[in-house]
Amino acid sequence: MIIPPPSSMQIAAATWTKSSYSASNNECVETAVFPSWTAVRDSKFTSGGPKLVVTSQAFTALLTGVADGSL
């Protein structure tokens, strides 16, 4: 069963988590986790700014690639 991506209303109401590697100058990445999907945004654009929504599997692959140096 394919779960559709979250709606813009769900994204707006989501609980966003700031990266633990974020600097104190607000140049950070934030994520919101949904069933089967992860949304990513720049913390400078919290209201109405662009968000990237990818499958949780793709987000995990991205993090793995960054961590192991393959990306």
C-alpha atoms as a PDB file:
ATOM      1  CA  MET A   1       0.000   0.000   0.000  1.00  0.00           C
ATOM      2  CA  ILE A   2       1.361   3.384  -1.001  1.00  0.00           C
ATOM      3  CA  ILE A   3       0.841   6.151   1.540  1.00  0.00           C
ATOM      4  CA  PRO A   4       0.380   9.555  -0.134  1.00  0.00           C
ATOM      5  CA  PRO A   5       2.690  12.403   0.863  1.00  0.00           C
ATOM      6  CA  PRO A   6       1.509  14.798   3.558  1.00  0.00           C
ATOM      7  CA  SER A   7      -0.682  17.707   2.504  1.00  0.00           C
ATOM      8  CA  SER A   8       0.485  21.319   2.795  1.00  0.00           C
ATOM      9  CA  MET A   9      -1.793  21.673   5.844  1.00  0.00           C
ATOM     10  CA  GLN A  10      -0.194  18.656   7.510  1.00  0.00           C
ATOM     11  CA  ILE A  11       3.263  20.038   6.770  1.00  0.00           C
ATOM     12  CA  ALA A  12       2.329  23.447   8.190  1.00  0.00           C
ATOM     13  CA  ALA A  13       1.014  21.835  11.397  1.00  0.00           C
ATOM     14  CA  ALA A  14       3.919  19.405  11.765  1.00  0.00           C
ATOM     15  CA  THR A  15       6.343  19.264  14.652  1.00  0.00           C
ATOM     16  CA  TRP A  16       9.713  20.277  13.227  1.00  0.00           C
ATOM     17  CA  THR A  17      13.001  19.144  14.756  1.00  0.00           C
ATOM     18  CA  LYS A  18      16.175  21.179  14.336  1.00  0.00           C
ATOM     19  CA  SER A  19      19.394  19.372  13.502  1.00  0.00           C
ATOM     20  CA  SER A  20      21.630  18.750  16.495  1.00  0.00           C
ATOM     21  CA  TYR A  21      24.540  19.937  14.321  1.00  0.00           C
ATOM     22  CA  SER A  22      22.964  23.366  13.774  1.00  0.00           C
ATOM     23  CA  ALA A  23      24.978  26.442  14.544  1.00  0.00           C
ATOM     24  CA  SER A  24      23.607  29.108  16.862  1.00  0.00           C
ATOM     25  CA  ASN A  25      23.291  31.528  13.920  1.00  0.00           C
ATOM     26  CA  ASN A  26      20.028  29.918  12.678  1.00  0.00           C
ATOM     27  CA  GLU A  27      21.576  28.362   9.574  1.00  0.00           C
ATOM     28  CA  CYS A  28      19.958  25.025  10.180  1.00  0.00           C
ATOM     29  CA  VAL A  29      18.021  22.206   8.641  1.00  0.00           C
ATOM     30  CA  GLU A  30      14.775  21.059  10.237  1.00  0.00           C
ATOM     31  CA  THR A  31      12.860  17.847   9.630  1.00  0.00           C
ATOM     32  CA  ALA A  32       9.300  16.684  10.187  1.00  0.00           C
ATOM     33  CA  VAL A  33       8.576  12.965  10.100  1.00  0.00           C
ATOM     34  CA  PHE A  34       5.340  11.517   8.719  1.00  0.00           C
ATOM     35  CA  PRO A  35       4.325   7.910   8.050  1.00  0.00           C
ATOM     36  CA  SER A  36       6.563   6.870   5.130  1.00  0.00           C
ATOM     37  CA  TRP A  37       7.672  10.478   4.406  1.00  0.00           C
ATOM     38  CA  THR A  38      10.163  13.046   5.736  1.00  0.00           C
ATOM     39  CA  ALA A  39       9.914  16.791   5.143  1.00  0.00           C
ATOM     40  CA  VAL A  40      13.012  19.009   5.224  1.00  0.00           C
ATOM     41  CA  ARG A  41      13.211  22.804   5.406  1.00  0.00           C
ATOM     42  CA  ASP A  42      15.665  25.619   6.016  1.00  0.00           C
ATOM     43  CA  SER A  43      15.025  27.051   9.476  1.00  0.00           C
ATOM     44  CA  LYS A  44      15.199  30.591   8.091  1.00  0.00           C
ATOM     45  CA  PHE A  45      12.020  29.925   6.084  1.00  0.00           C
ATOM     46  CA  THR A  46       9.680  28.388   8.648  1.00  0.00           C
ATOM     47  CA  SER A  47       6.453  29.931   7.390  1.00  0.00           C
ATOM     48  CA  GLY A  48       5.608  29.593   3.739  1.00  0.00           C
ATOM     49  CA  GLY A  49       9.116  28.758   2.631  1.00  0.00           C
ATOM     50  CA  PRO A  50      10.115  25.834   0.446  1.00  0.00           C
ATOM     51  CA  LYS A  51      10.064  22.319   1.838  1.00  0.00           C
ATOM     52  CA  LEU A  52      11.457  19.151   0.374  1.00  0.00           C
ATOM     53  CA  VAL A  53       9.308  16.064   0.968  1.00  0.00           C
ATOM     54  CA  VAL A  54      10.896  12.683   0.256  1.00  0.00           C
ATOM     55  CA  THR A  55      10.149   9.110   1.205  1.00  0.00           C
ATOM     56  CA  SER A  56      11.585   8.058   4.536  1.00  0.00           C
ATOM     57  CA  GLN A  57      13.605   5.421   2.686  1.00  0.00           C
ATOM     58  CA  ALA A  58      15.175   8.079   0.429  1.00  0.00           C
ATOM     59  CA  PHE A  59      15.946  10.307   3.419  1.00  0.00           C
ATOM     60  CA  THR A  60      17.619   7.417   5.227  1.00  0.00           C
ATOM     61  CA  ALA A  61      19.694   6.696   2.108  1.00  0.00           C
ATOM     62  CA  LEU A  62      20.723  10.377   1.954  1.00  0.00           C
ATOM     63  CA  LEU A  63      21.827  10.403   5.593  1.00  0.00           C
ATOM     64  CA  THR A  64      23.680   7.117   5.157  1.00  0.00           C
ATOM     65  CA  GLY A  65      25.470   8.420   2.056  1.00  0.00           C
ATOM     66  CA  VAL A  66      26.511  11.623   3.806  1.00  0.00           C
ATOM     67  CA  ALA A  67      27.706   9.735   6.884  1.00  0.00           C
ATOM     68  CA  ASP A  68      29.769   7.185   4.954  1.00  0.00           C
ATOM     69  CA  GLY A  69      31.193   9.757   2.533  1.00  0.00           C
ATOM     70  CA  SER A  70      29.655   8.290  -0.616  1.00  0.00           C
ATOM     71  CA  LEU A  71      27.729  11.530  -1.283  1.00  0.00           C
END
